[in-house]
Amino acid sequence: MHEETRRPVLAAAWRAALGSAQARLSCNYLVRLWADLQWADVPHSVVDEIMATHDVDLSKLEWQATDGTVPANIMLRLALRYGIACSTGIAVPPDGFLPLTHIMQLIDCRRIDTTTLPGTELMEAIIPGWSEHSRQFDERVNESMAQARVEAGRELQRALAVEPKPELIEHWRGLGGAVPPT
């Protein structure tokens, strides 16, 4: 599958997999100087439609501060590749940060050990071998998560391998920002 068709498919699949718990993936982001990341709850399809028919400064949207922390260097590097210049920074569509969001969520996932949950002894008494089966299942899940982290790392590296847009580099420098090494 070509990269042009792969990214939207990945974004749609990731949004579907996360469901409402990660509704912000349907939003747009605004990267401003000093690693200030904001988000706007406006579907990117609406932004695309507006941008196609009007000359709009996306900084005029109602942006809100994000909660939590994000790796500023990687965030800016992605913005310089997938963003849209606006008067206060670089607006980024939801799939522009998808590789970063994906790997951060996988890093946050902890190893599971269901053999330490309450009721394990009871289950072992009722179904002999329960604990061993649970341990083997946990190991398969943990191996799968480790493989998913590796693939997410590769996905992020592929996203960062795309050359930054020269016009976004110029725009960011014009705002007074430093451009990280590619």
C-alpha atoms as a PDB file:
ATOM      1  CA  MET A   1       0.000   0.000   0.000  1.00  0.00           C
ATOM      2  CA  HIS A   2       1.350   3.439  -0.890  1.00  0.00           C
ATOM      3  CA  GLU A   3       2.188   5.834   1.955  1.00  0.00           C
ATOM      4  CA  GLU A   4      -0.418   8.354   0.700  1.00  0.00           C
ATOM      5  CA  THR A   5      -3.210   5.811   1.159  1.00  0.00           C
ATOM      6  CA  ARG A   6      -1.690   4.068   4.182  1.00  0.00           C
ATOM      7  CA  ARG A   7      -1.701   7.078   6.561  1.00  0.00           C
ATOM      8  CA  PRO A   8      -5.455   7.843   6.331  1.00  0.00           C
ATOM      9  CA  VAL A   9      -6.253   4.141   6.609  1.00  0.00           C
ATOM     10  CA  LEU A  10      -4.041   3.878   9.701  1.00  0.00           C
ATOM     11  CA  ALA A  11      -5.659   6.966  11.212  1.00  0.00           C
ATOM     12  CA  ALA A  12      -9.165   5.628  10.632  1.00  0.00           C
ATOM     13  CA  ALA A  13      -8.256   2.207  12.021  1.00  0.00           C
ATOM     14  CA  TRP A  14      -6.601   3.722  15.078  1.00  0.00           C
ATOM     15  CA  ARG A  15      -9.587   5.991  15.779  1.00  0.00           C
ATOM     16  CA  ALA A  16     -11.948   3.033  15.413  1.00  0.00           C
ATOM     17  CA  ALA A  17      -9.837   0.909  17.738  1.00  0.00           C
ATOM     18  CA  LEU A  18      -9.682   3.597  20.399  1.00  0.00           C
ATOM     19  CA  GLY A  19     -13.336   4.572  20.210  1.00  0.00           C
ATOM     20  CA  SER A  20     -14.623   7.457  22.293  1.00  0.00           C
ATOM     21  CA  ALA A  21     -11.852   7.152  24.879  1.00  0.00           C
ATOM     22  CA  GLN A  22      -9.546   9.021  22.527  1.00  0.00           C
ATOM     23  CA  ALA A  23     -11.930  11.442  20.837  1.00  0.00           C
ATOM     24  CA  ARG A  24      -9.148  13.985  20.384  1.00  0.00           C
ATOM     25  CA  LEU A  25      -7.774  11.946  17.507  1.00  0.00           C
ATOM     26  CA  SER A  26     -10.626  13.464  15.492  1.00  0.00           C
ATOM     27  CA  CYS A  27      -9.440  16.950  16.418  1.00  0.00           C
ATOM     28  CA  ASN A  28      -6.748  19.214  15.122  1.00  0.00           C
ATOM     29  CA  TYR A  29      -3.686  20.332  17.018  1.00  0.00           C
ATOM     30  CA  LEU A  30      -1.822  23.625  17.132  1.00  0.00           C
ATOM     31  CA  VAL A  31       1.899  23.673  17.868  1.00  0.00           C
ATOM     32  CA  ARG A  32       3.046  27.034  19.145  1.00  0.00           C
ATOM     33  CA  LEU A  33       6.429  28.299  20.277  1.00  0.00           C
ATOM     34  CA  TRP A  34       7.778  26.983  23.570  1.00  0.00           C
ATOM     35  CA  ALA A  35       6.250  23.525  23.034  1.00  0.00           C
ATOM     36  CA  ASP A  36       2.753  24.760  23.690  1.00  0.00           C
ATOM     37  CA  LEU A  37       0.344  22.209  22.239  1.00  0.00           C
ATOM     38  CA  GLN A  38      -3.334  22.997  21.906  1.00  0.00           C
ATOM     39  CA  TRP A  39      -6.262  21.172  20.351  1.00  0.00           C
ATOM     40  CA  ALA A  40      -9.539  22.119  18.696  1.00  0.00           C
ATOM     41  CA  ASP A  41     -12.553  19.859  18.555  1.00  0.00           C
ATOM     42  CA  VAL A  42     -13.230  20.424  14.883  1.00  0.00           C
ATOM     43  CA  PRO A  43     -13.248  17.433  12.529  1.00  0.00           C
ATOM     44  CA  HIS A  44     -10.387  17.637  10.092  1.00  0.00           C
ATOM     45  CA  SER A  45     -12.748  17.037   7.172  1.00  0.00           C
ATOM     46  CA  VAL A  46     -14.421  20.360   8.046  1.00  0.00           C
ATOM     47  CA  VAL A  47     -11.037  22.079   8.204  1.00  0.00           C
ATOM     48  CA  ASP A  48     -10.117  20.573   4.811  1.00  0.00           C
ATOM     49  CA  GLU A  49     -13.371  21.819   3.292  1.00  0.00           C
ATOM     50  CA  ILE A  50     -12.931  25.327   4.711  1.00  0.00           C
ATOM     51  CA  MET A  51      -9.283  25.501   3.624  1.00  0.00           C
ATOM     52  CA  ALA A  52     -10.197  24.391   0.089  1.00  0.00           C
ATOM     53  CA  THR A  53     -12.704  27.206  -0.390  1.00  0.00           C
ATOM     54  CA  HIS A  54     -11.428  30.045   1.824  1.00  0.00           C
ATOM     55  CA  ASP A  55      -8.157  31.626   2.858  1.00  0.00           C
ATOM     56  CA  VAL A  56      -8.482  30.978   6.606  1.00  0.00           C
ATOM     57  CA  ASP A  57      -6.046  31.469   9.470  1.00  0.00           C
ATOM     58  CA  LEU A  58      -6.478  28.306  11.523  1.00  0.00           C
ATOM     59  CA  SER A  59      -5.254  30.066  14.655  1.00  0.00           C
ATOM     60  CA  LYS A  60      -8.718  31.679  14.781  1.00  0.00           C
ATOM     61  CA  LEU A  61     -10.290  28.363  15.796  1.00  0.00           C
ATOM     62  CA  GLU A  62     -11.149  27.893  19.478  1.00  0.00           C
ATOM     63  CA  TRP A  63      -7.993  26.187  20.701  1.00  0.00           C
ATOM     64  CA  GLN A  64      -7.720  24.644  24.157  1.00  0.00           C
ATOM     65  CA  ALA A  65      -4.669  23.612  26.158  1.00  0.00           C
ATOM     66  CA  THR A  66      -3.871  19.909  26.124  1.00  0.00           C
ATOM     67  CA  ASP A  67      -3.498  17.954  29.298  1.00  0.00           C
ATOM     68  CA  GLY A  68      -0.473  15.792  29.905  1.00  0.00           C
ATOM     69  CA  THR A  69       2.958  16.061  28.405  1.00  0.00           C
ATOM     70  CA  VAL A  70       4.188  15.330  24.927  1.00  0.00           C
ATOM     71  CA  PRO A  71       7.757  15.026  23.624  1.00  0.00           C
ATOM     72  CA  ALA A  72       8.188  18.544  22.263  1.00  0.00           C
ATOM     73  CA  ASN A  73      11.033  17.755  19.867  1.00  0.00           C
ATOM     74  CA  ILE A  74       9.184  14.897  18.162  1.00  0.00           C
ATOM     75  CA  MET A  75       5.925  16.853  18.170  1.00  0.00           C
ATOM     76  CA  LEU A  76       7.568  19.775  16.349  1.00  0.00           C
ATOM     77  CA  ARG A  77       9.375  17.467  13.929  1.00  0.00           C
ATOM     78  CA  LEU A  78       6.026  15.894  12.955  1.00  0.00           C
ATOM     79  CA  ALA A  79       4.349  19.311  12.700  1.00  0.00           C
ATOM     80  CA  LEU A  80       7.046  20.468  10.253  1.00  0.00           C
ATOM     81  CA  ARG A  81       6.216  17.484   8.037  1.00  0.00           C
ATOM     82  CA  TYR A  82       2.431  17.231   8.231  1.00  0.00           C
ATOM     83  CA  GLY A  83       1.202  20.640   9.388  1.00  0.00           C
ATOM     84  CA  ILE A  84      -0.382  23.778   7.980  1.00  0.00           C
ATOM     85  CA  ALA A  85       1.071  27.223   8.722  1.00  0.00           C
ATOM     86  CA  CYS A  86      -1.099  29.682  10.646  1.00  0.00           C
ATOM     87  CA  SER A  87      -0.386  33.015  12.315  1.00  0.00           C
ATOM     88  CA  THR A  88       0.495  31.628  15.767  1.00  0.00           C
ATOM     89  CA  GLY A  89       2.167  28.342  14.885  1.00  0.00           C
ATOM     90  CA  ILE A  90       1.535  25.175  12.900  1.00  0.00           C
ATOM     91  CA  ALA A  91      -1.842  23.441  12.839  1.00  0.00           C
ATOM     92  CA  VAL A  92      -1.586  19.669  12.534  1.00  0.00           C
ATOM     93  CA  PRO A  93      -4.337  17.303  11.395  1.00  0.00           C
ATOM     94  CA  PRO A  94      -5.118  14.375  13.673  1.00  0.00           C
ATOM     95  CA  ASP A  95      -3.220  11.815  11.633  1.00  0.00           C
ATOM     96  CA  GLY A  96      -0.096  14.004  11.720  1.00  0.00           C
ATOM     97  CA  PHE A  97       0.487  13.025  15.350  1.00  0.00           C
ATOM     98  CA  LEU A  98      -0.870   9.497  14.997  1.00  0.00           C
ATOM     99  CA  PRO A  99       2.551   7.759  15.098  1.00  0.00           C
ATOM    100  CA  LEU A 100       3.528   9.696  18.238  1.00  0.00           C
ATOM    101  CA  THR A 101       0.169   9.111  19.926  1.00  0.00           C
ATOM    102  CA  HIS A 102       0.321   5.432  19.088  1.00  0.00           C
ATOM    103  CA  ILE A 103       3.762   4.822  20.576  1.00  0.00           C
ATOM    104  CA  MET A 104       3.059   6.934  23.674  1.00  0.00           C
ATOM    105  CA  GLN A 105      -0.057   4.919  24.437  1.00  0.00           C
ATOM    106  CA  LEU A 106       1.780   1.639  23.968  1.00  0.00           C
ATOM    107  CA  ILE A 107       4.609   2.788  26.227  1.00  0.00           C
ATOM    108  CA  ASP A 108       2.024   3.577  28.903  1.00  0.00           C
ATOM    109  CA  CYS A 109       0.700   0.002  28.749  1.00  0.00           C
ATOM    110  CA  ARG A 110       2.082  -2.095  31.555  1.00  0.00           C
ATOM    111  CA  ARG A 111       2.906  -5.762  31.563  1.00  0.00           C
ATOM    112  CA  ILE A 112      -0.058  -7.777  32.710  1.00  0.00           C
ATOM    113  CA  ASP A 113      -0.020 -10.485  35.351  1.00  0.00           C
ATOM    114  CA  THR A 114      -3.504 -11.824  35.923  1.00  0.00           C
ATOM    115  CA  THR A 115      -2.171 -14.474  38.301  1.00  0.00           C
ATOM    116  CA  THR A 116      -1.970 -11.811  41.034  1.00  0.00           C
ATOM    117  CA  LEU A 117      -5.597 -10.711  40.719  1.00  0.00           C
ATOM    118  CA  PRO A 118      -8.088 -11.454  43.495  1.00  0.00           C
ATOM    119  CA  GLY A 119      -9.869 -14.760  43.009  1.00  0.00           C
ATOM    120  CA  THR A 120      -6.972 -16.547  41.338  1.00  0.00           C
ATOM    121  CA  GLU A 121      -6.718 -19.112  44.118  1.00  0.00           C
ATOM    122  CA  LEU A 122     -10.457 -19.789  43.903  1.00  0.00           C
ATOM    123  CA  MET A 123     -10.271 -20.185  40.105  1.00  0.00           C
ATOM    124  CA  GLU A 124      -7.331 -22.603  40.484  1.00  0.00           C
ATOM    125  CA  ALA A 125      -9.363 -24.653  42.975  1.00  0.00           C
ATOM    126  CA  ILE A 126     -12.365 -24.752  40.640  1.00  0.00           C
ATOM    127  CA  ILE A 127     -10.400 -25.220  37.418  1.00  0.00           C
ATOM    128  CA  PRO A 128      -7.034 -26.895  38.025  1.00  0.00           C
ATOM    129  CA  GLY A 129      -4.382 -25.391  35.746  1.00  0.00           C
ATOM    130  CA  TRP A 130      -6.073 -21.966  35.705  1.00  0.00           C
ATOM    131  CA  SER A 131      -2.983 -20.178  37.020  1.00  0.00           C
ATOM    132  CA  GLU A 132      -0.631 -21.776  34.492  1.00  0.00           C
ATOM    133  CA  HIS A 133      -3.043 -21.080  31.636  1.00  0.00           C
ATOM    134  CA  SER A 134      -3.338 -17.451  32.817  1.00  0.00           C
ATOM    135  CA  ARG A 135       0.449 -17.112  33.058  1.00  0.00           C
ATOM    136  CA  GLN A 136       0.876 -18.434  29.498  1.00  0.00           C
ATOM    137  CA  PHE A 137      -1.877 -16.145  28.218  1.00  0.00           C
ATOM    138  CA  ASP A 138      -0.306 -13.154  29.998  1.00  0.00           C
ATOM    139  CA  GLU A 139       3.033 -13.948  28.383  1.00  0.00           C
ATOM    140  CA  ARG A 140       1.482 -14.059  24.896  1.00  0.00           C
ATOM    141  CA  VAL A 141      -0.247 -10.718  25.517  1.00  0.00           C
ATOM    142  CA  ASN A 142       2.962  -9.162  26.850  1.00  0.00           C
ATOM    143  CA  GLU A 143       4.942 -10.428  23.845  1.00  0.00           C
ATOM    144  CA  SER A 144       2.293  -9.000  21.531  1.00  0.00           C
ATOM    145  CA  MET A 145       2.486  -5.621  23.288  1.00  0.00           C
ATOM    146  CA  ALA A 146       6.282  -5.643  22.979  1.00  0.00           C
ATOM    147  CA  GLN A 147       5.984  -6.355  19.240  1.00  0.00           C
ATOM    148  CA  ALA A 148       3.376  -3.584  18.906  1.00  0.00           C
ATOM    149  CA  ARG A 149       5.787  -1.135  20.593  1.00  0.00           C
ATOM    150  CA  VAL A 150       8.539  -2.100  18.138  1.00  0.00           C
ATOM    151  CA  GLU A 151       6.188  -1.632  15.171  1.00  0.00           C
ATOM    152  CA  ALA A 152       4.966   1.700  16.579  1.00  0.00           C
ATOM    153  CA  GLY A 153       8.587   2.802  16.868  1.00  0.00           C
ATOM    154  CA  ARG A 154       9.121   1.889  13.231  1.00  0.00           C
ATOM    155  CA  GLU A 155       5.942   3.739  12.270  1.00  0.00           C
ATOM    156  CA  LEU A 156       7.206   6.855  14.063  1.00  0.00           C
ATOM    157  CA  GLN A 157      10.607   6.546  12.360  1.00  0.00           C
ATOM    158  CA  ARG A 158       8.911   6.258   8.946  1.00  0.00           C
ATOM    159  CA  ALA A 159       6.842   9.369   9.705  1.00  0.00           C
ATOM    160  CA  LEU A 160       9.970  11.257  10.739  1.00  0.00           C
ATOM    161  CA  ALA A 161      11.868  10.050   7.648  1.00  0.00           C
ATOM    162  CA  VAL A 162       9.630  12.248   5.484  1.00  0.00           C
ATOM    163  CA  GLU A 163      11.410  15.486   4.665  1.00  0.00           C
ATOM    164  CA  PRO A 164      10.078  18.560   6.475  1.00  0.00           C
ATOM    165  CA  LYS A 165       8.201  21.028   4.303  1.00  0.00           C
ATOM    166  CA  PRO A 166      10.548  23.932   3.485  1.00  0.00           C
ATOM    167  CA  GLU A 167       7.679  26.427   3.764  1.00  0.00           C
ATOM    168  CA  LEU A 168       6.891  25.217   7.301  1.00  0.00           C
ATOM    169  CA  ILE A 169      10.557  25.462   8.328  1.00  0.00           C
ATOM    170  CA  GLU A 170      10.639  29.033   7.016  1.00  0.00           C
ATOM    171  CA  HIS A 171       7.326  29.829   8.735  1.00  0.00           C
ATOM    172  CA  TRP A 172       8.482  28.397  12.093  1.00  0.00           C
ATOM    173  CA  ARG A 173      11.740  30.349  11.941  1.00  0.00           C
ATOM    174  CA  GLY A 174       9.766  33.468  11.032  1.00  0.00           C
ATOM    175  CA  LEU A 175       7.790  33.034  14.259  1.00  0.00           C
ATOM    176  CA  GLY A 176      11.096  32.930  16.145  1.00  0.00           C
ATOM    177  CA  GLY A 177      11.257  29.171  16.576  1.00  0.00           C
ATOM    178  CA  ALA A 178      14.287  26.946  16.370  1.00  0.00           C
ATOM    179  CA  VAL A 179      14.118  24.030  13.962  1.00  0.00           C
ATOM    180  CA  PRO A 180      15.268  20.693  15.389  1.00  0.00           C
ATOM    181  CA  PRO A 181      17.703  18.613  13.360  1.00  0.00           C
ATOM    182  CA  THR A 182      16.021  16.255  10.938  1.00  0.00           C
END
